[in-house]
PDB file of N, CA and C in Angstrom:
ATOM      1  N   MET A   1     -50.054  69.339-133.563  1.00  0.00           N
ATOM      2  CA  MET A   1     -50.299  68.693-134.844  1.00  0.00           C
ATOM      3  C   MET A   1     -51.566  67.841-134.711  1.00  0.00           C
ATOM      4  N   PRO A   2     -52.490  67.946-135.684  1.00  0.00           N
ATOM      5  CA  PRO A   2     -53.732  67.188-135.598  1.00  0.00           C
ATOM      6  C   PRO A   2     -53.492  65.686-135.677  1.00  0.00           C
ATOM      7  N   THR A   3     -54.359  64.929-135.010  1.00  0.00           N
ATOM      8  CA  THR A   3     -54.259  63.480-135.056  1.00  0.00           C
ATOM      9  C   THR A   3     -54.800  62.988-136.388  1.00  0.00           C
ATOM     10  N   THR A   4     -54.574  61.733-136.686  1.00  0.00           N
ATOM     11  CA  THR A   4     -55.016  61.158-137.954  1.00  0.00           C
ATOM     12  C   THR A   4     -56.525  61.254-138.151  1.00  0.00           C
ATOM     13  N   PRO A   5     -57.372  60.931-137.148  1.00  0.00           N
ATOM     14  CA  PRO A   5     -58.820  61.080-137.359  1.00  0.00           C
ATOM     15  C   PRO A   5     -59.222  62.524-137.648  1.00  0.00           C
ATOM     16  N   SER A   6     -58.607  63.477-136.937  1.00  0.00           N
ATOM     17  CA  SER A   6     -58.976  64.874-137.192  1.00  0.00           C
ATOM     18  C   SER A   6     -58.488  65.323-138.561  1.00  0.00           C
ATOM     19  N   ARG A   7     -57.377  64.785-139.022  1.00  0.00           N
ATOM     20  CA  ARG A   7     -56.918  65.087-140.385  1.00  0.00           C
ATOM     21  C   ARG A   7     -57.919  64.565-141.407  1.00  0.00           C
ATOM     22  N   CYS A   8     -58.425  63.362-141.174  1.00  0.00           N
ATOM     23  CA  CYS A   8     -59.410  62.780-142.093  1.00  0.00           C
ATOM     24  C   CYS A   8     -60.679  63.625-142.130  1.00  0.00           C
ATOM     25  N   VAL A   9     -61.122  64.073-140.947  1.00  0.00           N
ATOM     26  CA  VAL A   9     -62.319  64.918-140.887  1.00  0.00           C
ATOM     27  C   VAL A   9     -62.064  66.228-141.609  1.00  0.00           C
ATOM     28  N   LEU A  10     -60.900  66.820-141.384  1.00  0.00           N
ATOM     29  CA  LEU A  10     -60.555  68.075-142.057  1.00  0.00           C
ATOM     30  C   LEU A  10     -60.505  67.896-143.562  1.00  0.00           C
ATOM     31  N   LEU A  11     -59.919  66.811-144.022  1.00  0.00           N
ATOM     32  CA  LEU A  11     -59.886  66.535-145.460  1.00  0.00           C
ATOM     33  C   LEU A  11     -61.287  66.340-146.022  1.00  0.00           C
ATOM     34  N   PHE A  12     -62.145  65.650-145.266  1.00  0.00           N
ATOM     35  CA  PHE A  12     -63.519  65.423-145.706  1.00  0.00           C
ATOM     36  C   PHE A  12     -64.267  66.748-145.823  1.00  0.00           C
ATOM     37  N   VAL A  13     -64.116  67.606-144.815  1.00  0.00           N
ATOM     38  CA  VAL A  13     -64.788  68.911-144.837  1.00  0.00           C
ATOM     39  C   VAL A  13     -64.290  69.736-146.011  1.00  0.00           C
ATOM     40  N   LEU A  14     -62.993  69.749-146.218  1.00  0.00           N
ATOM     41  CA  LEU A  14     -62.453  70.509-147.350  1.00  0.00           C
ATOM     42  C   LEU A  14     -62.928  69.947-148.681  1.00  0.00           C
ATOM     43  N   ALA A  15     -63.080  68.641-148.765  1.00  0.00           N
ATOM     44  CA  ALA A  15     -63.571  68.036-150.007  1.00  0.00           C
ATOM     45  C   ALA A  15     -65.006  68.463-150.282  1.00  0.00           C
ATOM     46  N   ILE A  16     -65.796  68.584-149.226  1.00  0.00           N
ATOM     47  CA  ILE A  16     -67.182  69.017-149.407  1.00  0.00           C
ATOM     48  C   ILE A  16     -67.244  70.490-149.763  1.00  0.00           C
ATOM     49  N   VAL A  17     -66.512  71.304-149.014  1.00  0.00           N
ATOM     50  CA  VAL A  17     -66.555  72.752-149.231  1.00  0.00           C
ATOM     51  C   VAL A  17     -65.959  73.118-150.574  1.00  0.00           C
ATOM     52  N   HIS A  18     -64.872  72.494-150.923  1.00  0.00           N
ATOM     53  CA  HIS A  18     -64.175  72.822-152.160  1.00  0.00           C
ATOM     54  C   HIS A  18     -64.301  71.684-153.168  1.00  0.00           C
ATOM     55  N   GLY A  19     -65.459  71.073-153.239  1.00  0.00           N
ATOM     56  CA  GLY A  19     -65.668  69.929-154.110  1.00  0.00           C
ATOM     57  C   GLY A  19     -65.403  70.230-155.572  1.00  0.00           C
ATOM     58  N   GLY A  20     -65.708  71.438-156.017  1.00  0.00           N
ATOM     59  CA  GLY A  20     -65.515  71.789-157.419  1.00  0.00           C
ATOM     60  C   GLY A  20     -64.136  72.323-157.710  1.00  0.00           C
ATOM     61  N   SER A  21     -63.276  72.335-156.738  1.00  0.00           N
ATOM     62  CA  SER A  21     -61.957  72.915-156.930  1.00  0.00           C
ATOM     63  C   SER A  21     -60.997  71.879-157.495  1.00  0.00           C
ATOM     64  N   TYR A  22     -60.456  72.177-158.638  1.00  0.00           N
ATOM     65  CA  TYR A  22     -59.486  71.284-159.255  1.00  0.00           C
ATOM     66  C   TYR A  22     -58.108  71.926-159.260  1.00  0.00           C
ATOM     67  N   ALA A  23     -57.998  73.111-158.652  1.00  0.00           N
ATOM     68  CA  ALA A  23     -56.756  73.857-158.714  1.00  0.00           C
ATOM     69  C   ALA A  23     -55.698  73.325-157.754  1.00  0.00           C
ATOM     70  N   ALA A  24     -56.109  72.670-156.686  1.00  0.00           N
ATOM     71  CA  ALA A  24     -55.149  72.273-155.667  1.00  0.00           C
ATOM     72  C   ALA A  24     -55.365  70.826-155.265  1.00  0.00           C
ATOM     73  N   SER A  25     -54.270  70.179-154.880  1.00  0.00           N
ATOM     74  CA  SER A  25     -54.370  68.817-154.366  1.00  0.00           C
ATOM     75  C   SER A  25     -54.985  68.867-152.974  1.00  0.00           C
ATOM     76  N   ALA A  26     -55.373  67.723-152.461  1.00  0.00           N
ATOM     77  CA  ALA A  26     -55.986  67.659-151.134  1.00  0.00           C
ATOM     78  C   ALA A  26     -55.024  68.181-150.069  1.00  0.00           C
ATOM     79  N   HIS A  27     -53.762  67.803-150.178  1.00  0.00           N
ATOM     80  CA  HIS A  27     -52.769  68.261-149.205  1.00  0.00           C
ATOM     81  C   HIS A  27     -52.613  69.781-149.272  1.00  0.00           C
ATOM     82  N   GLU A  28     -52.579  70.310-150.482  1.00  0.00           N
ATOM     83  CA  GLU A  28     -52.430  71.754-150.649  1.00  0.00           C
ATOM     84  C   GLU A  28     -53.664  72.491-150.122  1.00  0.00           C
ATOM     85  N   GLN A  29     -54.851  71.918-150.330  1.00  0.00           N
ATOM     86  CA  GLN A  29     -56.069  72.534-149.812  1.00  0.00           C
ATOM     87  C   GLN A  29     -56.031  72.595-148.289  1.00  0.00           C
ATOM     88  N   VAL A  30     -55.558  71.535-147.663  1.00  0.00           N
ATOM     89  CA  VAL A  30     -55.459  71.518-146.201  1.00  0.00           C
ATOM     90  C   VAL A  30     -54.485  72.597-145.736  1.00  0.00           C
ATOM     91  N   GLN A  31     -53.333  72.657-146.385  1.00  0.00           N
ATOM     92  CA  GLN A  31     -52.325  73.634-145.987  1.00  0.00           C
ATOM     93  C   GLN A  31     -52.823  75.064-146.183  1.00  0.00           C
ATOM     94  N   LEU A  32     -53.488  75.331-147.299  1.00  0.00           N
ATOM     95  CA  LEU A  32     -54.003  76.670-147.545  1.00  0.00           C
ATOM     96  C   LEU A  32     -55.180  76.994-146.621  1.00  0.00           C
ATOM     97  N   GLY A  33     -55.932  75.987-146.216  1.00  0.00           N
ATOM     98  CA  GLY A  33     -56.968  76.196-145.213  1.00  0.00           C
ATOM     99  C   GLY A  33     -56.365  76.631-143.885  1.00  0.00           C
ATOM    100  N   LEU A  34     -55.231  76.024-143.532  1.00  0.00           N
ATOM    101  CA  LEU A  34     -54.531  76.432-142.314  1.00  0.00           C
ATOM    102  C   LEU A  34     -53.985  77.855-142.441  1.00  0.00           C
ATOM    103  N   VAL A  35     -53.515  78.210-143.629  1.00  0.00           N
ATOM    104  CA  VAL A  35     -53.047  79.580-143.866  1.00  0.00           C
ATOM    105  C   VAL A  35     -54.192  80.564-143.646  1.00  0.00           C
ATOM    106  N   GLN A  36     -55.378  80.223-144.141  1.00  0.00           N
ATOM    107  CA  GLN A  36     -56.536  81.101-143.955  1.00  0.00           C
ATOM    108  C   GLN A  36     -56.890  81.240-142.480  1.00  0.00           C
ATOM    109  N   GLN A  37     -56.819  80.158-141.727  1.00  0.00           N
ATOM    110  CA  GLN A  37     -57.082  80.237-140.293  1.00  0.00           C
ATOM    111  C   GLN A  37     -56.071  81.145-139.605  1.00  0.00           C
ATOM    112  N   GLN A  38     -54.813  81.021-139.985  1.00  0.00           N
ATOM    113  CA  GLN A  38     -53.768  81.843-139.383  1.00  0.00           C
ATOM    114  C   GLN A  38     -53.946  83.311-139.771  1.00  0.00           C
ATOM    115  N   LEU A  39     -54.378  83.572-140.999  1.00  0.00           N
ATOM    116  CA  LEU A  39     -54.652  84.953-141.401  1.00  0.00           C
ATOM    117  C   LEU A  39     -55.773  85.551-140.546  1.00  0.00           C
ATOM    118  N   HIS A  40     -56.781  84.746-140.253  1.00  0.00           N
ATOM    119  CA  HIS A  40     -57.878  85.204-139.398  1.00  0.00           C
ATOM    120  C   HIS A  40     -57.357  85.537-138.003  1.00  0.00           C
ATOM    121  N   THR A  41     -56.493  84.701-137.469  1.00  0.00           N
ATOM    122  CA  THR A  41     -55.913  84.938-136.147  1.00  0.00           C
ATOM    123  C   THR A  41     -55.074  86.210-136.150  1.00  0.00           C
ATOM    124  N   ILE A  42     -54.262  86.392-137.172  1.00  0.00           N
ATOM    125  CA  ILE A  42     -53.424  87.589-137.265  1.00  0.00           C
ATOM    126  C   ILE A  42     -54.300  88.842-137.351  1.00  0.00           C
ATOM    127  N   GLU A  43     -55.381  88.749-138.103  1.00  0.00           N
ATOM    128  CA  GLU A  43     -56.280  89.888-138.241  1.00  0.00           C
ATOM    129  C   GLU A  43     -56.920  90.258-136.890  1.00  0.00           C
ATOM    130  N   ARG A  44     -57.333  89.248-136.133  1.00  0.00           N
ATOM    131  CA  ARG A  44     -57.895  89.509-134.797  1.00  0.00           C
ATOM    132  C   ARG A  44     -56.860  90.150-133.885  1.00  0.00           C
ATOM    133  N   LEU A  45     -55.620  89.637-133.911  1.00  0.00           N
ATOM    134  CA  LEU A  45     -54.556  90.209-133.077  1.00  0.00           C
ATOM    135  C   LEU A  45     -54.255  91.652-133.477  1.00  0.00           C
ATOM    136  N   ALA A  46     -54.264  91.930-134.764  1.00  0.00           N
ATOM    137  CA  ALA A  46     -54.018  93.289-135.241  1.00  0.00           C
ATOM    138  C   ALA A  46     -55.130  94.234-134.793  1.00  0.00           C
ATOM    139  N   THR A  47     -56.371  93.750-134.805  1.00  0.00           N
ATOM    140  CA  THR A  47     -57.489  94.569-134.342  1.00  0.00           C
ATOM    141  C   THR A  47     -57.343  94.894-132.867  1.00  0.00           C
ATOM    142  N   ARG A  48     -56.952  93.910-132.072  1.00  0.00           N
ATOM    143  CA  ARG A  48     -56.725  94.145-130.637  1.00  0.00           C
ATOM    144  C   ARG A  48     -55.585  95.146-130.421  1.00  0.00           C
ATOM    145  N   ALA A  49     -54.498  94.969-131.169  1.00  0.00           N
ATOM    146  CA  ALA A  49     -53.352  95.875-131.025  1.00  0.00           C
ATOM    147  C   ALA A  49     -53.727  97.297-131.442  1.00  0.00           C
ATOM    148  N   ASP A  50     -54.531  97.429-132.482  1.00  0.00           N
ATOM    149  CA  ASP A  50     -54.977  98.744-132.929  1.00  0.00           C
ATOM    150  C   ASP A  50     -55.808  99.418-131.847  1.00  0.00           C
ATOM    151  N   THR A  51     -56.705  98.662-131.237  1.00  0.00           N
ATOM    152  CA  THR A  51     -57.535  99.206-130.156  1.00  0.00           C
ATOM    153  C   THR A  51     -56.659  99.638-128.981  1.00  0.00           C
ATOM    154  N   ALA A  52     -55.670  98.834-128.636  1.00  0.00           N
ATOM    155  CA  ALA A  52     -54.780  99.160-127.516  1.00  0.00           C
ATOM    156  C   ALA A  52     -53.906 100.369-127.838  1.00  0.00           C
ATOM    157  N   SER A  53     -53.538 100.555-129.091  1.00  0.00           N
ATOM    158  CA  SER A  53     -52.663 101.670-129.463  1.00  0.00           C
ATOM    159  C   SER A  53     -53.396 103.006-129.451  1.00  0.00           C
ATOM    160  N   MET A  54     -54.715 102.977-129.485  1.00  0.00           N
ATOM    161  CA  MET A  54     -55.500 104.213-129.460  1.00  0.00           C
ATOM    162  C   MET A  54     -55.351 104.936-128.125  1.00  0.00           C
ATOM    163  N   SER A  55     -54.954 104.215-127.079  1.00  0.00           N
ATOM    164  CA  SER A  55     -54.818 104.823-125.758  1.00  0.00           C
ATOM    165  C   SER A  55     -53.581 105.711-125.664  1.00  0.00           C
ATOM    166  N   GLU A  56     -52.681 105.643-126.632  1.00  0.00           N
ATOM    167  CA  GLU A  56     -51.463 106.453-126.634  1.00  0.00           C
ATOM    168  C   GLU A  56     -51.436 107.326-127.888  1.00  0.00           C
ATOM    169  N   PRO A  57     -52.245 108.393-127.952  1.00  0.00           N
ATOM    170  CA  PRO A  57     -52.339 109.199-129.165  1.00  0.00           C
ATOM    171  C   PRO A  57     -51.139 110.120-129.394  1.00  0.00           C
ATOM    172  N   ASP A  58     -50.246 110.272-128.425  1.00  0.00           N
ATOM    173  CA  ASP A  58     -49.120 111.194-128.561  1.00  0.00           C
ATOM    174  C   ASP A  58     -47.889 110.566-129.197  1.00  0.00           C
ATOM    175  N   ASP A  59     -47.979 109.317-129.599  1.00  0.00           N
ATOM    176  CA  ASP A  59     -46.824 108.660-130.221  1.00  0.00           C
ATOM    177  C   ASP A  59     -46.472 109.346-131.534  1.00  0.00           C
ATOM    178  N   ARG A  60     -45.178 109.435-131.802  1.00  0.00           N
ATOM    179  CA  ARG A  60     -44.721 110.088-133.034  1.00  0.00           C
ATOM    180  C   ARG A  60     -45.008 109.225-134.251  1.00  0.00           C
ATOM    181  N   TYR A  61     -44.815 107.944-134.111  1.00  0.00           N
ATOM    182  CA  TYR A  61     -45.071 107.004-135.209  1.00  0.00           C
ATOM    183  C   TYR A  61     -46.142 106.027-134.777  1.00  0.00           C
ATOM    184  N   ARG A  62     -46.946 105.655-135.737  1.00  0.00           N
ATOM    185  CA  ARG A  62     -48.001 104.667-135.475  1.00  0.00           C
ATOM    186  C   ARG A  62     -47.912 103.575-136.528  1.00  0.00           C
ATOM    187  N   PHE A  63     -48.321 102.410-136.151  1.00  0.00           N
ATOM    188  CA  PHE A  63     -48.375 101.282-137.087  1.00  0.00           C
ATOM    189  C   PHE A  63     -49.633 101.423-137.932  1.00  0.00           C
ATOM    190  N   ASP A  64     -49.534 101.091-139.202  1.00  0.00           N
ATOM    191  CA  ASP A  64     -50.662 101.201-140.132  1.00  0.00           C
ATOM    192  C   ASP A  64     -51.516  99.937-140.057  1.00  0.00           C
ATOM    193  N   TYR A  65     -52.355  99.850-139.038  1.00  0.00           N
ATOM    194  CA  TYR A  65     -53.223  98.688-138.864  1.00  0.00           C
ATOM    195  C   TYR A  65     -54.258  98.556-139.974  1.00  0.00           C
ATOM    196  N   PRO A  66     -54.879  99.644-140.432  1.00  0.00           N
ATOM    197  CA  PRO A  66     -55.819  99.488-141.560  1.00  0.00           C
ATOM    198  C   PRO A  66     -55.138  98.946-142.820  1.00  0.00           C
ATOM    199  N   GLY A  67     -53.909  99.372-143.071  1.00  0.00           N
ATOM    200  CA  GLY A  67     -53.161  98.847-144.216  1.00  0.00           C
ATOM    201  C   GLY A  67     -52.863  97.367-144.067  1.00  0.00           C
ATOM    202  N   LEU A  68     -52.490  96.967-142.851  1.00  0.00           N
ATOM    203  CA  LEU A  68     -52.238  95.552-142.574  1.00  0.00           C
ATOM    204  C   LEU A  68     -53.504  94.737-142.786  1.00  0.00           C
ATOM    205  N   THR A  69     -54.626  95.236-142.291  1.00  0.00           N
ATOM    206  CA  THR A  69     -55.898  94.526-142.444  1.00  0.00           C
ATOM    207  C   THR A  69     -56.268  94.379-143.919  1.00  0.00           C
ATOM    208  N   GLN A  70     -56.065  95.427-144.713  1.00  0.00           N
ATOM    209  CA  GLN A  70     -56.356  95.345-146.149  1.00  0.00           C
ATOM    210  C   GLN A  70     -55.467  94.304-146.828  1.00  0.00           C
ATOM    211  N   ASP A  71     -54.188  94.274-146.457  1.00  0.00           N
ATOM    212  CA  ASP A  71     -53.282  93.288-147.052  1.00  0.00           C
ATOM    213  C   ASP A  71     -53.682  91.868-146.674  1.00  0.00           C
ATOM    214  N   ILE A  72     -54.070  91.668-145.419  1.00  0.00           N
ATOM    215  CA  ILE A  72     -54.507  90.335-144.987  1.00  0.00           C
ATOM    216  C   ILE A  72     -55.741  89.914-145.770  1.00  0.00           C
ATOM    217  N   GLN A  73     -56.689  90.822-145.937  1.00  0.00           N
ATOM    218  CA  GLN A  73     -57.896  90.500-146.696  1.00  0.00           C
ATOM    219  C   GLN A  73     -57.566  90.196-148.151  1.00  0.00           C
ATOM    220  N   ARG A  74     -56.605  90.920-148.703  1.00  0.00           N
ATOM    221  CA  ARG A  74     -56.198  90.666-150.095  1.00  0.00           C
ATOM    222  C   ARG A  74     -55.551  89.297-150.237  1.00  0.00           C
ATOM    223  N   ILE A  75     -54.702  88.933-149.294  1.00  0.00           N
ATOM    224  CA  ILE A  75     -54.066  87.609-149.317  1.00  0.00           C
ATOM    225  C   ILE A  75     -55.126  86.528-149.157  1.00  0.00           C
ATOM    226  N   ARG A  76     -56.046  86.731-148.204  1.00  0.00           N
ATOM    227  CA  ARG A  76     -57.115  85.752-147.982  1.00  0.00           C
ATOM    228  C   ARG A  76     -57.935  85.559-149.255  1.00  0.00           C
ATOM    229  N   GLN A  77     -58.270  86.652-149.934  1.00  0.00           N
ATOM    230  CA  GLN A  77     -59.056  86.562-151.166  1.00  0.00           C
ATOM    231  C   GLN A  77     -58.271  85.845-152.264  1.00  0.00           C
ATOM    232  N   GLY A  78     -56.960  86.087-152.333  1.00  0.00           N
ATOM    233  CA  GLY A  78     -56.130  85.393-153.314  1.00  0.00           C
ATOM    234  C   GLY A  78     -56.100  83.897-153.090  1.00  0.00           C
ATOM    235  N   VAL A  79     -55.982  83.487-151.829  1.00  0.00           N
ATOM    236  CA  VAL A  79     -55.996  82.057-151.496  1.00  0.00           C
ATOM    237  C   VAL A  79     -57.356  81.466-151.838  1.00  0.00           C
ATOM    238  N   GLN A  80     -58.434  82.188-151.475  1.00  0.00           N
ATOM    239  CA  GLN A  80     -59.786  81.698-151.759  1.00  0.00           C
ATOM    240  C   GLN A  80     -60.021  81.586-153.263  1.00  0.00           C
ATOM    241  N   ASP A  81     -59.553  82.563-154.021  1.00  0.00           N
ATOM    242  CA  ASP A  81     -59.714  82.517-155.482  1.00  0.00           C
ATOM    243  C   ASP A  81     -58.955  81.335-156.081  1.00  0.00           C
ATOM    244  N   TYR A  82     -57.795  81.008-155.499  1.00  0.00           N
ATOM    245  CA  TYR A  82     -57.035  79.869-155.988  1.00  0.00           C
ATOM    246  C   TYR A  82     -57.757  78.558-155.675  1.00  0.00           C
ATOM    247  N   LEU A  83     -58.286  78.462-154.457  1.00  0.00           N
ATOM    248  CA  LEU A  83     -58.952  77.228-154.046  1.00  0.00           C
ATOM    249  C   LEU A  83     -60.290  77.036-154.752  1.00  0.00           C
ATOM    250  N   SER A  84     -60.990  78.100-155.035  1.00  0.00           N
ATOM    251  CA  SER A  84     -62.312  78.027-155.671  1.00  0.00           C
ATOM    252  C   SER A  84     -62.369  78.993-156.846  1.00  0.00           C
ATOM    253  N   PRO A  85     -61.749  78.638-157.953  1.00  0.00           N
ATOM    254  CA  PRO A  85     -61.764  79.560-159.099  1.00  0.00           C
ATOM    255  C   PRO A  85     -63.196  79.779-159.581  1.00  0.00           C
ATOM    256  N   SER A  86     -63.457  80.997-160.057  1.00  0.00           N
ATOM    257  CA  SER A  86     -64.807  81.334-160.495  1.00  0.00           C
ATOM    258  C   SER A  86     -65.169  80.632-161.796  1.00  0.00           C
ATOM    259  N   ARG A  87     -64.186  80.223-162.549  1.00  0.00           N
ATOM    260  CA  ARG A  87     -64.429  79.472-163.786  1.00  0.00           C
ATOM    261  C   ARG A  87     -63.250  78.537-164.006  1.00  0.00           C
ATOM    262  N   ALA A  88     -63.429  77.644-164.928  1.00  0.00           N
ATOM    263  CA  ALA A  88     -62.360  76.684-165.210  1.00  0.00           C
ATOM    264  C   ALA A  88     -61.132  77.430-165.730  1.00  0.00           C
ATOM    265  N   GLN A  89     -59.988  76.982-165.313  1.00  0.00           N
ATOM    266  CA  GLN A  89     -58.751  77.603-165.762  1.00  0.00           C
ATOM    267  C   GLN A  89     -58.475  77.201-167.207  1.00  0.00           C
ATOM    268  N   PRO A  90     -58.034  78.153-168.032  1.00  0.00           N
ATOM    269  CA  PRO A  90     -57.750  77.804-169.422  1.00  0.00           C
ATOM    270  C   PRO A  90     -56.570  76.841-169.503  1.00  0.00           C
ATOM    271  N   ARG A  91     -56.658  75.963-170.453  1.00  0.00           N
ATOM    272  CA  ARG A  91     -55.581  74.998-170.649  1.00  0.00           C
ATOM    273  C   ARG A  91     -54.716  75.448-171.817  1.00  0.00           C
ATOM    274  N   ASP A  92     -53.460  75.109-171.761  1.00  0.00           N
ATOM    275  CA  ASP A  92     -52.548  75.429-172.846  1.00  0.00           C
ATOM    276  C   ASP A  92     -52.771  74.407-173.950  1.00  0.00           C
ATOM    277  N   PRO A  93     -53.307  74.830-175.101  1.00  0.00           N
ATOM    278  CA  PRO A  93     -53.612  73.848-176.145  1.00  0.00           C
ATOM    279  C   PRO A  93     -52.375  73.316-176.852  1.00  0.00           C
ATOM    280  N   GLY A  94     -51.243  73.923-176.648  1.00  0.00           N
ATOM    281  CA  GLY A  94     -50.034  73.488-177.341  1.00  0.00           C
ATOM    282  C   GLY A  94     -50.011  74.057-178.754  1.00  0.00           C
ATOM    283  N   ASP A  95     -48.985  73.722-179.474  1.00  0.00           N
ATOM    284  CA  ASP A  95     -48.853  74.217-180.843  1.00  0.00           C
ATOM    285  C   ASP A  95     -49.720  73.406-181.793  1.00  0.00           C
ATOM    286  N   LEU A  96     -50.381  74.108-182.697  1.00  0.00           N
ATOM    287  CA  LEU A  96     -51.162  73.428-183.724  1.00  0.00           C
ATOM    288  C   LEU A  96     -50.260  73.111-184.899  1.00  0.00           C
ATOM    289  N   VAL A  97     -50.513  71.987-185.539  1.00  0.00           N
ATOM    290  CA  VAL A  97     -49.699  71.579-186.679  1.00  0.00           C
ATOM    291  C   VAL A  97     -49.966  72.495-187.863  1.00  0.00           C
ATOM    292  N   GLY A  98     -51.215  72.706-188.205  1.00  0.00           N
ATOM    293  CA  GLY A  98     -51.577  73.617-189.289  1.00  0.00           C
ATOM    294  C   GLY A  98     -51.594  72.981-190.661  1.00  0.00           C
ATOM    295  N   ASP A  99     -50.832  71.938-190.893  1.00  0.00           N
ATOM    296  CA  ASP A  99     -50.800  71.265-192.201  1.00  0.00           C
ATOM    297  C   ASP A  99     -51.497  69.930-192.020  1.00  0.00           C
ATOM    298  N   TYR A 100     -52.685  69.793-192.651  1.00  0.00           N
ATOM    299  CA  TYR A 100     -53.489  68.591-192.441  1.00  0.00           C
ATOM    300  C   TYR A 100     -53.525  67.681-193.655  1.00  0.00           C
ATOM    301  N   ARG A 101     -52.728  67.956-194.650  1.00  0.00           N
ATOM    302  CA  ARG A 101     -52.710  67.131-195.850  1.00  0.00           C
ATOM    303  C   ARG A 101     -51.722  65.989-195.645  1.00  0.00           C
ATOM    304  N   LEU A 102     -52.207  64.772-195.873  1.00  0.00           N
ATOM    305  CA  LEU A 102     -51.350  63.606-195.772  1.00  0.00           C
ATOM    306  C   LEU A 102     -50.963  63.184-197.182  1.00  0.00           C
ATOM    307  N   ASP A 103     -49.694  63.036-197.440  1.00  0.00           N
ATOM    308  CA  ASP A 103     -49.228  62.543-198.736  1.00  0.00           C
ATOM    309  C   ASP A 103     -49.180  61.033-198.677  1.00  0.00           C
ATOM    310  N   THR A 104     -49.919  60.389-199.560  1.00  0.00           N
ATOM    311  CA  THR A 104     -49.889  58.937-199.599  1.00  0.00           C
ATOM    312  C   THR A 104     -48.844  58.491-200.606  1.00  0.00           C
ATOM    313  N   PRO A 105     -48.111  57.443-200.288  1.00  0.00           N
ATOM    314  CA  PRO A 105     -47.113  56.960-201.262  1.00  0.00           C
ATOM    315  C   PRO A 105     -47.823  56.387-202.488  1.00  0.00           C
ATOM    316  N   PRO A 106     -47.203  56.491-203.655  1.00  0.00           N
ATOM    317  CA  PRO A 106     -47.826  55.941-204.890  1.00  0.00           C
ATOM    318  C   PRO A 106     -48.031  54.433-204.743  1.00  0.00           C
ATOM    319  N   ALA A 107     -49.126  53.948-205.348  1.00  0.00           N
ATOM    320  CA  ALA A 107     -49.474  52.533-205.284  1.00  0.00           C
ATOM    321  C   ALA A 107     -48.485  51.689-206.073  1.00  0.00           C
ATOM    322  N   GLU A 108     -48.014  52.198-207.222  1.00  0.00           N
ATOM    323  CA  GLU A 108     -47.068  51.452-208.050  1.00  0.00           C
ATOM    324  C   GLU A 108     -45.748  52.203-208.101  1.00  0.00           C
ATOM    325  N   PRO A 109     -44.664  51.473-208.081  1.00  0.00           N
ATOM    326  CA  PRO A 109     -43.371  52.145-208.189  1.00  0.00           C
ATOM    327  C   PRO A 109     -43.224  52.800-209.556  1.00  0.00           C
ATOM    328  N   SER A 110     -42.551  53.905-209.612  1.00  0.00           N
ATOM    329  CA  SER A 110     -42.314  54.611-210.884  1.00  0.00           C
ATOM    330  C   SER A 110     -41.302  53.848-211.722  1.00  0.00           C
ATOM    331  N   PRO A 111     -41.499  53.841-213.099  1.00  0.00           N
ATOM    332  CA  PRO A 111     -40.525  53.113-213.943  1.00  0.00           C
ATOM    333  C   PRO A 111     -39.236  53.833-214.093  1.00  0.00           C
TER     334      PRO A 111
END
C-alpha cells in the first residue's frame, strides 16, 4: 500500500493529467488509474504466456490470447473514456413546466 506522500504525489499527477475530467472523484481517478496499471501488467503476462505456449503446437486446445488482449484494450479504452470524456456529458434538464402564464389575483374583491 502506498505511503501518504506517494498518495499525494499520485493524486497530484492524476490531477494534472486528468485536469479537465469532471466524471470521477479524485479517489475514483486513483482507483481507476490502478486498474489501468493492473490491466497493463495482465497484458504483459498474457503476451509472455502466449510466447511460451507457441513451443507446444500439438496441444488440442489453446487459449485465445489475441482475444484476451483485445478485451483488455477495450476495457482500458472504456476506463480512459470515462476518466477523460471527449466532450462534456449531457445533463438531465428535468421536466419543463410548459405553462408560463401567471394568474394575478384581482386588485379589488368582487361584489
